[in-house]
ModelCIF file with pLDDT and N, C-alpha, C, O atoms, coordinates in Angstrom:
data_MODEL
#
_entry.id   MODEL 
#
_entity.id                         1 
_entity.type                       polymer 
_entity.pdbx_number_of_molecules   1 
#
_entity_poly.entity_id                      1 
_entity_poly.type                           'polypeptide(L)' 
_entity_poly.nstd_linkage                   no 
_entity_poly.nstd_monomer                   no 
_entity_poly.pdbx_seq_one_letter_code       
;(UNK)(UNK)(UNK)(UNK)(UNK)(UNK)(UNK)(UNK)(UNK)(UNK)(UNK)(UNK)(UNK)(UNK)(UNK)(UNK)
(UNK)(UNK)(UNK)(UNK)(UNK)(UNK)(UNK)(UNK)(UNK)(UNK)(UNK)(UNK)(UNK)(UNK)(UNK)(UNK)
(UNK)(UNK)(UNK)(UNK)(UNK)(UNK)(UNK)(UNK)(UNK)(UNK)(UNK)(UNK)
;
_entity_poly.pdbx_seq_one_letter_code_can   XXXXXXXXXXXXXXXXXXXXXXXXXXXXXXXXXXXXXXXXXXXX 
_entity_poly.pdbx_strand_id                 A 
#
loop_
_entity_poly_seq.entity_id 
_entity_poly_seq.num 
_entity_poly_seq.mon_id 
_entity_poly_seq.hetero 
1 1  UNK n 
1 2  UNK n 
1 3  UNK n 
1 4  UNK n 
1 5  UNK n 
1 6  UNK n 
1 7  UNK n 
1 8  UNK n 
1 9  UNK n 
1 10 UNK n 
1 11 UNK n 
1 12 UNK n 
1 13 UNK n 
1 14 UNK n 
1 15 UNK n 
1 16 UNK n 
1 17 UNK n 
1 18 UNK n 
1 19 UNK n 
1 20 UNK n 
1 21 UNK n 
1 22 UNK n 
1 23 UNK n 
1 24 UNK n 
1 25 UNK n 
1 26 UNK n 
1 27 UNK n 
1 28 UNK n 
1 29 UNK n 
1 30 UNK n 
1 31 UNK n 
1 32 UNK n 
1 33 UNK n 
1 34 UNK n 
1 35 UNK n 
1 36 UNK n 
1 37 UNK n 
1 38 UNK n 
1 39 UNK n 
1 40 UNK n 
1 41 UNK n 
1 42 UNK n 
1 43 UNK n 
1 44 UNK n 
#
_struct_asym.id          A 
_struct_asym.entity_id   1 
#
loop_
_ma_qa_metric.id 
_ma_qa_metric.mode 
_ma_qa_metric.name 
_ma_qa_metric.software_group_id 
_ma_qa_metric.type 
1 global pLDDT . pLDDT 
2 local  pLDDT . pLDDT 
#
_ma_qa_metric_global.metric_id      1 
_ma_qa_metric_global.metric_value   87.41 
_ma_qa_metric_global.model_id       1 
_ma_qa_metric_global.ordinal_id     1 
#
loop_
_ma_qa_metric_local.label_asym_id 
_ma_qa_metric_local.label_comp_id 
_ma_qa_metric_local.label_seq_id 
_ma_qa_metric_local.metric_id 
_ma_qa_metric_local.metric_value 
_ma_qa_metric_local.model_id 
_ma_qa_metric_local.ordinal_id 
A UNK 1  2 81.00 1 1  
A UNK 2  2 79.00 1 2  
A UNK 3  2 83.00 1 3  
A UNK 4  2 90.00 1 4  
A UNK 5  2 93.00 1 5  
A UNK 6  2 94.00 1 6  
A UNK 7  2 94.00 1 7  
A UNK 8  2 87.00 1 8  
A UNK 9  2 88.00 1 9  
A UNK 10 2 89.00 1 10 
A UNK 11 2 92.00 1 11 
A UNK 12 2 93.00 1 12 
A UNK 13 2 93.00 1 13 
A UNK 14 2 93.00 1 14 
A UNK 15 2 90.00 1 15 
A UNK 16 2 84.00 1 16 
A UNK 17 2 76.00 1 17 
A UNK 18 2 69.00 1 18 
A UNK 19 2 70.00 1 19 
A UNK 20 2 71.00 1 20 
A UNK 21 2 79.00 1 21 
A UNK 22 2 79.00 1 22 
A UNK 23 2 82.00 1 23 
A UNK 24 2 85.00 1 24 
A UNK 25 2 84.00 1 25 
A UNK 26 2 82.00 1 26 
A UNK 27 2 89.00 1 27 
A UNK 28 2 92.00 1 28 
A UNK 29 2 93.00 1 29 
A UNK 30 2 93.00 1 30 
A UNK 31 2 93.00 1 31 
A UNK 32 2 94.00 1 32 
A UNK 33 2 94.00 1 33 
A UNK 34 2 93.00 1 34 
A UNK 35 2 92.00 1 35 
A UNK 36 2 91.00 1 36 
A UNK 37 2 92.00 1 37 
A UNK 38 2 90.00 1 38 
A UNK 39 2 90.00 1 39 
A UNK 40 2 89.00 1 40 
A UNK 41 2 91.00 1 41 
A UNK 42 2 89.00 1 42 
A UNK 43 2 91.00 1 43 
A UNK 44 2 90.00 1 44 
#
loop_
_atom_site.group_PDB 
_atom_site.id 
_atom_site.type_symbol 
_atom_site.label_atom_id 
_atom_site.label_alt_id 
_atom_site.label_comp_id 
_atom_site.label_asym_id 
_atom_site.label_entity_id 
_atom_site.label_seq_id 
_atom_site.pdbx_PDB_ins_code 
_atom_site.Cartn_x 
_atom_site.Cartn_y 
_atom_site.Cartn_z 
_atom_site.occupancy 
_atom_site.B_iso_or_equiv 
_atom_site.pdbx_formal_charge 
_atom_site.auth_seq_id 
_atom_site.auth_comp_id 
_atom_site.auth_asym_id 
_atom_site.auth_atom_id 
_atom_site.pdbx_PDB_model_num 
ATOM 1   N N  . UNK A 1 1  ? -15.867 4.350  -39.115 1.00 81.00 ? 1  UNK A N  1 
ATOM 2   C CA . UNK A 1 1  ? -15.349 3.774  -37.197 1.00 81.00 ? 1  UNK A CA 1 
ATOM 3   C C  . UNK A 1 1  ? -14.267 4.233  -36.999 1.00 81.00 ? 1  UNK A C  1 
ATOM 4   O O  . UNK A 1 1  ? -13.811 3.604  -36.044 1.00 81.00 ? 1  UNK A O  1 
ATOM 5   N N  . UNK A 1 2  ? -13.208 5.331  -37.491 1.00 79.00 ? 2  UNK A N  1 
ATOM 6   C CA . UNK A 1 2  ? -11.798 5.402  -37.099 1.00 79.00 ? 2  UNK A CA 1 
ATOM 7   C C  . UNK A 1 2  ? -11.295 5.198  -38.127 1.00 79.00 ? 2  UNK A C  1 
ATOM 8   O O  . UNK A 1 2  ? -11.394 6.082  -38.978 1.00 79.00 ? 2  UNK A O  1 
ATOM 9   N N  . UNK A 1 3  ? -10.589 4.003  -38.440 1.00 83.00 ? 3  UNK A N  1 
ATOM 10  C CA . UNK A 1 3  ? -9.693  3.431  -39.021 1.00 83.00 ? 3  UNK A CA 1 
ATOM 11  C C  . UNK A 1 3  ? -9.894  3.895  -40.308 1.00 83.00 ? 3  UNK A C  1 
ATOM 12  O O  . UNK A 1 3  ? -10.928 4.040  -40.961 1.00 83.00 ? 3  UNK A O  1 
ATOM 13  N N  . UNK A 1 4  ? -8.287  4.185  -40.660 1.00 90.00 ? 4  UNK A N  1 
ATOM 14  C CA . UNK A 1 4  ? -8.441  4.340  -42.164 1.00 90.00 ? 4  UNK A CA 1 
ATOM 15  C C  . UNK A 1 4  ? -8.314  3.442  -43.375 1.00 90.00 ? 4  UNK A C  1 
ATOM 16  O O  . UNK A 1 4  ? -7.485  2.533  -43.383 1.00 90.00 ? 4  UNK A O  1 
ATOM 17  N N  . UNK A 1 5  ? -9.189  3.697  -44.487 1.00 93.00 ? 5  UNK A N  1 
ATOM 18  C CA . UNK A 1 5  ? -8.980  2.397  -45.204 1.00 93.00 ? 5  UNK A CA 1 
ATOM 19  C C  . UNK A 1 5  ? -8.757  2.988  -46.394 1.00 93.00 ? 5  UNK A C  1 
ATOM 20  O O  . UNK A 1 5  ? -9.644  3.789  -46.691 1.00 93.00 ? 5  UNK A O  1 
ATOM 21  N N  . UNK A 1 6  ? -7.443  2.820  -47.582 1.00 94.00 ? 6  UNK A N  1 
ATOM 22  C CA . UNK A 1 6  ? -7.709  3.145  -48.886 1.00 94.00 ? 6  UNK A CA 1 
ATOM 23  C C  . UNK A 1 6  ? -7.986  1.092  -50.054 1.00 94.00 ? 6  UNK A C  1 
ATOM 24  O O  . UNK A 1 6  ? -8.162  -0.127 -50.050 1.00 94.00 ? 6  UNK A O  1 
ATOM 25  N N  . UNK A 1 7  ? -7.801  2.291  -50.725 1.00 94.00 ? 7  UNK A N  1 
ATOM 26  C CA . UNK A 1 7  ? -8.517  1.171  -52.006 1.00 94.00 ? 7  UNK A CA 1 
ATOM 27  C C  . UNK A 1 7  ? -6.490  0.844  -52.757 1.00 94.00 ? 7  UNK A C  1 
ATOM 28  O O  . UNK A 1 7  ? -5.401  1.340  -52.466 1.00 94.00 ? 7  UNK A O  1 
ATOM 29  N N  . UNK A 1 8  ? -6.735  0.272  -53.299 1.00 87.00 ? 8  UNK A N  1 
ATOM 30  C CA . UNK A 1 8  ? -5.683  -0.181 -54.355 1.00 87.00 ? 8  UNK A CA 1 
ATOM 31  C C  . UNK A 1 8  ? -6.110  -0.652 -55.441 1.00 87.00 ? 8  UNK A C  1 
ATOM 32  O O  . UNK A 1 8  ? -7.286  -1.008 -55.524 1.00 87.00 ? 8  UNK A O  1 
ATOM 33  N N  . UNK A 1 9  ? -5.178  -0.761 -56.584 1.00 88.00 ? 9  UNK A N  1 
ATOM 34  C CA . UNK A 1 9  ? -5.787  -1.044 -58.221 1.00 88.00 ? 9  UNK A CA 1 
ATOM 35  C C  . UNK A 1 9  ? -6.923  -2.690 -57.744 1.00 88.00 ? 9  UNK A C  1 
ATOM 36  O O  . UNK A 1 9  ? -8.141  -2.579 -57.890 1.00 88.00 ? 9  UNK A O  1 
ATOM 37  N N  . UNK A 1 10 ? -6.452  -3.771 -57.324 1.00 89.00 ? 10 UNK A N  1 
ATOM 38  C CA . UNK A 1 10 ? -7.436  -4.764 -57.265 1.00 89.00 ? 10 UNK A CA 1 
ATOM 39  C C  . UNK A 1 10 ? -8.359  -4.909 -56.055 1.00 89.00 ? 10 UNK A C  1 
ATOM 40  O O  . UNK A 1 10 ? -8.560  -5.994 -55.510 1.00 89.00 ? 10 UNK A O  1 
ATOM 41  N N  . UNK A 1 11 ? -9.029  -3.502 -55.580 1.00 92.00 ? 11 UNK A N  1 
ATOM 42  C CA . UNK A 1 11 ? -10.016 -3.232 -54.607 1.00 92.00 ? 11 UNK A CA 1 
ATOM 43  C C  . UNK A 1 11 ? -11.325 -3.526 -55.493 1.00 92.00 ? 11 UNK A C  1 
ATOM 44  O O  . UNK A 1 11 ? -11.612 -3.052 -56.592 1.00 92.00 ? 11 UNK A O  1 
ATOM 45  N N  . UNK A 1 12 ? -12.278 -4.754 -54.436 1.00 93.00 ? 12 UNK A N  1 
ATOM 46  C CA . UNK A 1 12 ? -13.653 -5.361 -55.044 1.00 93.00 ? 12 UNK A CA 1 
ATOM 47  C C  . UNK A 1 12 ? -13.909 -4.306 -54.011 1.00 93.00 ? 12 UNK A C  1 
ATOM 48  O O  . UNK A 1 12 ? -13.321 -4.053 -52.960 1.00 93.00 ? 12 UNK A O  1 
ATOM 49  N N  . UNK A 1 13 ? -15.680 -3.370 -55.007 1.00 93.00 ? 13 UNK A N  1 
ATOM 50  C CA . UNK A 1 13 ? -16.895 -2.762 -54.025 1.00 93.00 ? 13 UNK A CA 1 
ATOM 51  C C  . UNK A 1 13 ? -17.597 -3.201 -54.371 1.00 93.00 ? 13 UNK A C  1 
ATOM 52  O O  . UNK A 1 13 ? -17.957 -2.832 -55.489 1.00 93.00 ? 13 UNK A O  1 
ATOM 53  N N  . UNK A 1 14 ? -18.691 -4.835 -53.409 1.00 93.00 ? 14 UNK A N  1 
ATOM 54  C CA . UNK A 1 14 ? -19.996 -4.512 -53.803 1.00 93.00 ? 14 UNK A CA 1 
ATOM 55  C C  . UNK A 1 14 ? -20.995 -5.003 -52.826 1.00 93.00 ? 14 UNK A C  1 
ATOM 56  O O  . UNK A 1 14 ? -20.721 -5.728 -51.870 1.00 93.00 ? 14 UNK A O  1 
ATOM 57  N N  . UNK A 1 15 ? -21.696 -4.739 -53.008 1.00 90.00 ? 15 UNK A N  1 
ATOM 58  C CA . UNK A 1 15 ? -23.133 -4.934 -52.689 1.00 90.00 ? 15 UNK A CA 1 
ATOM 59  C C  . UNK A 1 15 ? -23.283 -5.457 -51.994 1.00 90.00 ? 15 UNK A C  1 
ATOM 60  O O  . UNK A 1 15 ? -23.269 -6.528 -52.600 1.00 90.00 ? 15 UNK A O  1 
ATOM 61  N N  . UNK A 1 16 ? -23.549 -5.845 -50.509 1.00 84.00 ? 16 UNK A N  1 
ATOM 62  C CA . UNK A 1 16 ? -23.718 -6.676 -49.274 1.00 84.00 ? 16 UNK A CA 1 
ATOM 63  C C  . UNK A 1 16 ? -24.803 -7.719 -50.322 1.00 84.00 ? 16 UNK A C  1 
ATOM 64  O O  . UNK A 1 16 ? -24.682 -8.835 -50.828 1.00 84.00 ? 16 UNK A O  1 
ATOM 65  N N  . UNK A 1 17 ? -26.154 -6.389 -50.298 1.00 76.00 ? 17 UNK A N  1 
ATOM 66  C CA . UNK A 1 17 ? -27.388 -6.937 -51.140 1.00 76.00 ? 17 UNK A CA 1 
ATOM 67  C C  . UNK A 1 17 ? -28.369 -7.532 -50.327 1.00 76.00 ? 17 UNK A C  1 
ATOM 68  O O  . UNK A 1 17 ? -29.494 -7.715 -50.793 1.00 76.00 ? 17 UNK A O  1 
ATOM 69  N N  . UNK A 1 18 ? -28.035 -7.928 -48.931 1.00 69.00 ? 18 UNK A N  1 
ATOM 70  C CA . UNK A 1 18 ? -29.560 -8.244 -47.942 1.00 69.00 ? 18 UNK A CA 1 
ATOM 71  C C  . UNK A 1 18 ? -30.788 -7.419 -47.718 1.00 69.00 ? 18 UNK A C  1 
ATOM 72  O O  . UNK A 1 18 ? -30.766 -6.204 -47.527 1.00 69.00 ? 18 UNK A O  1 
ATOM 73  N N  . UNK A 1 19 ? -31.694 -8.051 -47.749 1.00 70.00 ? 19 UNK A N  1 
ATOM 74  C CA . UNK A 1 19 ? -32.921 -7.362 -47.304 1.00 70.00 ? 19 UNK A CA 1 
ATOM 75  C C  . UNK A 1 19 ? -32.794 -5.746 -46.531 1.00 70.00 ? 19 UNK A C  1 
ATOM 76  O O  . UNK A 1 19 ? -33.615 -4.970 -47.018 1.00 70.00 ? 19 UNK A O  1 
ATOM 77  N N  . UNK A 1 20 ? -32.033 -5.204 -45.571 1.00 71.00 ? 20 UNK A N  1 
ATOM 78  C CA . UNK A 1 20 ? -31.911 -4.131 -45.481 1.00 71.00 ? 20 UNK A CA 1 
ATOM 79  C C  . UNK A 1 20 ? -31.383 -3.321 -46.054 1.00 71.00 ? 20 UNK A C  1 
ATOM 80  O O  . UNK A 1 20 ? -31.823 -2.179 -45.926 1.00 71.00 ? 20 UNK A O  1 
ATOM 81  N N  . UNK A 1 21 ? -30.598 -3.477 -46.645 1.00 79.00 ? 21 UNK A N  1 
ATOM 82  C CA . UNK A 1 21 ? -28.774 -3.456 -47.763 1.00 79.00 ? 21 UNK A CA 1 
ATOM 83  C C  . UNK A 1 21 ? -29.528 -1.951 -48.368 1.00 79.00 ? 21 UNK A C  1 
ATOM 84  O O  . UNK A 1 21 ? -28.785 -1.024 -48.045 1.00 79.00 ? 21 UNK A O  1 
ATOM 85  N N  . UNK A 1 22 ? -30.323 -1.616 -48.864 1.00 79.00 ? 22 UNK A N  1 
ATOM 86  C CA . UNK A 1 22 ? -31.243 -0.899 -49.973 1.00 79.00 ? 22 UNK A CA 1 
ATOM 87  C C  . UNK A 1 22 ? -29.766 -0.442 -51.649 1.00 79.00 ? 22 UNK A C  1 
ATOM 88  O O  . UNK A 1 22 ? -29.446 0.622  -52.179 1.00 79.00 ? 22 UNK A O  1 
ATOM 89  N N  . UNK A 1 23 ? -29.181 -2.361 -51.947 1.00 82.00 ? 23 UNK A N  1 
ATOM 90  C CA . UNK A 1 23 ? -29.050 -2.028 -52.687 1.00 82.00 ? 23 UNK A CA 1 
ATOM 91  C C  . UNK A 1 23 ? -28.730 -3.394 -53.523 1.00 82.00 ? 23 UNK A C  1 
ATOM 92  O O  . UNK A 1 23 ? -28.155 -4.337 -52.978 1.00 82.00 ? 23 UNK A O  1 
ATOM 93  N N  . UNK A 1 24 ? -28.984 -3.416 -54.357 1.00 85.00 ? 24 UNK A N  1 
ATOM 94  C CA . UNK A 1 24 ? -28.536 -5.339 -54.744 1.00 85.00 ? 24 UNK A CA 1 
ATOM 95  C C  . UNK A 1 24 ? -27.317 -5.733 -55.038 1.00 85.00 ? 24 UNK A C  1 
ATOM 96  O O  . UNK A 1 24 ? -26.357 -5.285 -55.665 1.00 85.00 ? 24 UNK A O  1 
ATOM 97  N N  . UNK A 1 25 ? -27.686 -7.054 -54.197 1.00 84.00 ? 25 UNK A N  1 
ATOM 98  C CA . UNK A 1 25 ? -26.639 -7.683 -54.603 1.00 84.00 ? 25 UNK A CA 1 
ATOM 99  C C  . UNK A 1 25 ? -25.665 -8.132 -55.576 1.00 84.00 ? 25 UNK A C  1 
ATOM 100 O O  . UNK A 1 25 ? -26.171 -8.734 -56.523 1.00 84.00 ? 25 UNK A O  1 
ATOM 101 N N  . UNK A 1 26 ? -24.098 -7.973 -55.610 1.00 82.00 ? 26 UNK A N  1 
ATOM 102 C CA . UNK A 1 26 ? -23.627 -8.038 -56.720 1.00 82.00 ? 26 UNK A CA 1 
ATOM 103 C C  . UNK A 1 26 ? -23.528 -6.519 -57.505 1.00 82.00 ? 26 UNK A C  1 
ATOM 104 O O  . UNK A 1 26 ? -23.342 -6.466 -58.721 1.00 82.00 ? 26 UNK A O  1 
ATOM 105 N N  . UNK A 1 27 ? -23.611 -5.827 -57.030 1.00 89.00 ? 27 UNK A N  1 
ATOM 106 C CA . UNK A 1 27 ? -23.921 -4.789 -57.881 1.00 89.00 ? 27 UNK A CA 1 
ATOM 107 C C  . UNK A 1 27 ? -22.245 -3.639 -57.119 1.00 89.00 ? 27 UNK A C  1 
ATOM 108 O O  . UNK A 1 27 ? -22.211 -3.262 -55.948 1.00 89.00 ? 27 UNK A O  1 
ATOM 109 N N  . UNK A 1 28 ? -21.096 -3.331 -58.172 1.00 92.00 ? 28 UNK A N  1 
ATOM 110 C CA . UNK A 1 28 ? -20.000 -2.977 -57.683 1.00 92.00 ? 28 UNK A CA 1 
ATOM 111 C C  . UNK A 1 28 ? -20.163 -1.325 -58.108 1.00 92.00 ? 28 UNK A C  1 
ATOM 112 O O  . UNK A 1 28 ? -20.715 -0.676 -58.996 1.00 92.00 ? 28 UNK A O  1 
ATOM 113 N N  . UNK A 1 29 ? -19.241 -1.044 -56.781 1.00 93.00 ? 29 UNK A N  1 
ATOM 114 C CA . UNK A 1 29 ? -18.984 0.448  -56.900 1.00 93.00 ? 29 UNK A CA 1 
ATOM 115 C C  . UNK A 1 29 ? -17.348 1.044  -57.395 1.00 93.00 ? 29 UNK A C  1 
ATOM 116 O O  . UNK A 1 29 ? -16.331 0.539  -56.920 1.00 93.00 ? 29 UNK A O  1 
ATOM 117 N N  . UNK A 1 30 ? -17.313 2.021  -58.264 1.00 93.00 ? 30 UNK A N  1 
ATOM 118 C CA . UNK A 1 30 ? -15.609 2.170  -58.487 1.00 93.00 ? 30 UNK A CA 1 
ATOM 119 C C  . UNK A 1 30 ? -14.965 2.483  -57.415 1.00 93.00 ? 30 UNK A C  1 
ATOM 120 O O  . UNK A 1 30 ? -13.840 2.042  -57.183 1.00 93.00 ? 30 UNK A O  1 
ATOM 121 N N  . UNK A 1 31 ? -15.450 3.091  -56.820 1.00 93.00 ? 31 UNK A N  1 
ATOM 122 C CA . UNK A 1 31 ? -14.263 3.950  -55.606 1.00 93.00 ? 31 UNK A CA 1 
ATOM 123 C C  . UNK A 1 31 ? -15.148 3.945  -54.593 1.00 93.00 ? 31 UNK A C  1 
ATOM 124 O O  . UNK A 1 31 ? -16.145 3.228  -54.515 1.00 93.00 ? 31 UNK A O  1 
ATOM 125 N N  . UNK A 1 32 ? -14.612 5.116  -53.466 1.00 94.00 ? 32 UNK A N  1 
ATOM 126 C CA . UNK A 1 32 ? -15.038 5.561  -52.454 1.00 94.00 ? 32 UNK A CA 1 
ATOM 127 C C  . UNK A 1 32 ? -16.521 6.620  -52.558 1.00 94.00 ? 32 UNK A C  1 
ATOM 128 O O  . UNK A 1 32 ? -17.624 6.584  -52.013 1.00 94.00 ? 32 UNK A O  1 
ATOM 129 N N  . UNK A 1 33 ? -16.029 7.302  -53.304 1.00 94.00 ? 33 UNK A N  1 
ATOM 130 C CA . UNK A 1 33 ? -17.279 8.501  -54.069 1.00 94.00 ? 33 UNK A CA 1 
ATOM 131 C C  . UNK A 1 33 ? -18.729 8.151  -54.083 1.00 94.00 ? 33 UNK A C  1 
ATOM 132 O O  . UNK A 1 33 ? -19.497 8.849  -53.421 1.00 94.00 ? 33 UNK A O  1 
ATOM 133 N N  . UNK A 1 34 ? -19.174 7.148  -54.765 1.00 93.00 ? 34 UNK A N  1 
ATOM 134 C CA . UNK A 1 34 ? -20.015 6.086  -55.117 1.00 93.00 ? 34 UNK A CA 1 
ATOM 135 C C  . UNK A 1 34 ? -20.345 5.760  -54.510 1.00 93.00 ? 34 UNK A C  1 
ATOM 136 O O  . UNK A 1 34 ? -21.477 5.315  -54.699 1.00 93.00 ? 34 UNK A O  1 
ATOM 137 N N  . UNK A 1 35 ? -19.733 5.618  -53.117 1.00 92.00 ? 35 UNK A N  1 
ATOM 138 C CA . UNK A 1 35 ? -20.915 5.056  -51.799 1.00 92.00 ? 35 UNK A CA 1 
ATOM 139 C C  . UNK A 1 35 ? -21.384 5.787  -50.912 1.00 92.00 ? 35 UNK A C  1 
ATOM 140 O O  . UNK A 1 35 ? -20.501 6.470  -50.394 1.00 92.00 ? 35 UNK A O  1 
ATOM 141 N N  . UNK A 1 36 ? -22.211 5.925  -50.572 1.00 91.00 ? 36 UNK A N  1 
ATOM 142 C CA . UNK A 1 36 ? -22.624 7.084  -49.442 1.00 91.00 ? 36 UNK A CA 1 
ATOM 143 C C  . UNK A 1 36 ? -21.915 7.016  -47.895 1.00 91.00 ? 36 UNK A C  1 
ATOM 144 O O  . UNK A 1 36 ? -21.630 6.052  -47.184 1.00 91.00 ? 36 UNK A O  1 
ATOM 145 N N  . UNK A 1 37 ? -21.788 8.244  -47.734 1.00 92.00 ? 37 UNK A N  1 
ATOM 146 C CA . UNK A 1 37 ? -21.849 8.186  -46.273 1.00 92.00 ? 37 UNK A CA 1 
ATOM 147 C C  . UNK A 1 37 ? -22.914 7.400  -45.101 1.00 92.00 ? 37 UNK A C  1 
ATOM 148 O O  . UNK A 1 37 ? -24.140 7.310  -45.028 1.00 92.00 ? 37 UNK A O  1 
ATOM 149 N N  . UNK A 1 38 ? -21.776 6.893  -44.246 1.00 90.00 ? 38 UNK A N  1 
ATOM 150 C CA . UNK A 1 38 ? -23.505 6.211  -43.271 1.00 90.00 ? 38 UNK A CA 1 
ATOM 151 C C  . UNK A 1 38 ? -23.650 5.378  -43.888 1.00 90.00 ? 38 UNK A C  1 
ATOM 152 O O  . UNK A 1 38 ? -24.788 5.299  -43.425 1.00 90.00 ? 38 UNK A O  1 
ATOM 153 N N  . UNK A 1 39 ? -23.599 4.264  -44.830 1.00 90.00 ? 39 UNK A N  1 
ATOM 154 C CA . UNK A 1 39 ? -23.161 2.777  -45.284 1.00 90.00 ? 39 UNK A CA 1 
ATOM 155 C C  . UNK A 1 39 ? -22.179 2.080  -44.576 1.00 90.00 ? 39 UNK A C  1 
ATOM 156 O O  . UNK A 1 39 ? -20.983 2.257  -44.341 1.00 90.00 ? 39 UNK A O  1 
ATOM 157 N N  . UNK A 1 40 ? -23.178 1.074  -44.248 1.00 89.00 ? 40 UNK A N  1 
ATOM 158 C CA . UNK A 1 40 ? -22.302 -0.089 -43.617 1.00 89.00 ? 40 UNK A CA 1 
ATOM 159 C C  . UNK A 1 40 ? -21.421 -0.785 -44.673 1.00 89.00 ? 40 UNK A C  1 
ATOM 160 O O  . UNK A 1 40 ? -21.842 -1.087 -45.789 1.00 89.00 ? 40 UNK A O  1 
ATOM 161 N N  . UNK A 1 41 ? -19.857 -1.075 -44.132 1.00 91.00 ? 41 UNK A N  1 
ATOM 162 C CA . UNK A 1 41 ? -18.440 -1.554 -44.561 1.00 91.00 ? 41 UNK A CA 1 
ATOM 163 C C  . UNK A 1 41 ? -18.167 -2.957 -43.937 1.00 91.00 ? 41 UNK A C  1 
ATOM 164 O O  . UNK A 1 41 ? -17.805 -3.265 -42.802 1.00 91.00 ? 41 UNK A O  1 
ATOM 165 N N  . UNK A 1 42 ? -18.396 -3.561 -44.820 1.00 89.00 ? 42 UNK A N  1 
ATOM 166 C CA . UNK A 1 42 ? -17.537 -4.826 -44.562 1.00 89.00 ? 42 UNK A CA 1 
ATOM 167 C C  . UNK A 1 42 ? -16.294 -5.066 -44.828 1.00 89.00 ? 42 UNK A C  1 
ATOM 168 O O  . UNK A 1 42 ? -16.188 -6.138 -45.423 1.00 89.00 ? 42 UNK A O  1 
ATOM 169 N N  . UNK A 1 43 ? -14.863 -4.309 -44.574 1.00 91.00 ? 43 UNK A N  1 
ATOM 170 C CA . UNK A 1 43 ? -13.674 -4.734 -44.866 1.00 91.00 ? 43 UNK A CA 1 
ATOM 171 C C  . UNK A 1 43 ? -12.490 -5.937 -44.545 1.00 91.00 ? 43 UNK A C  1 
ATOM 172 O O  . UNK A 1 43 ? -12.066 -6.253 -43.433 1.00 91.00 ? 43 UNK A O  1 
ATOM 173 N N  . UNK A 1 44 ? -12.182 -6.381 -45.583 1.00 90.00 ? 44 UNK A N  1 
ATOM 174 C CA . UNK A 1 44 ? -11.254 -7.061 -45.906 1.00 90.00 ? 44 UNK A CA 1 
ATOM 175 C C  . UNK A 1 44 ? -9.624  -6.083 -46.295 1.00 90.00 ? 44 UNK A C  1 
ATOM 176 O O  . UNK A 1 44 ? -8.608  -6.688 -46.637 1.00 90.00 ? 44 UNK A O  1 
#
């Protein structure tokens, strides 16, 4: 949404896992390249 986001070595990327997320809860992603463009992200 226009904000720039970068990962560190300690960043964790996981599937939210709700009914409409199309991925299993807790599934991990190695980096942004594994996350499909258009996905909804919650970021801390």
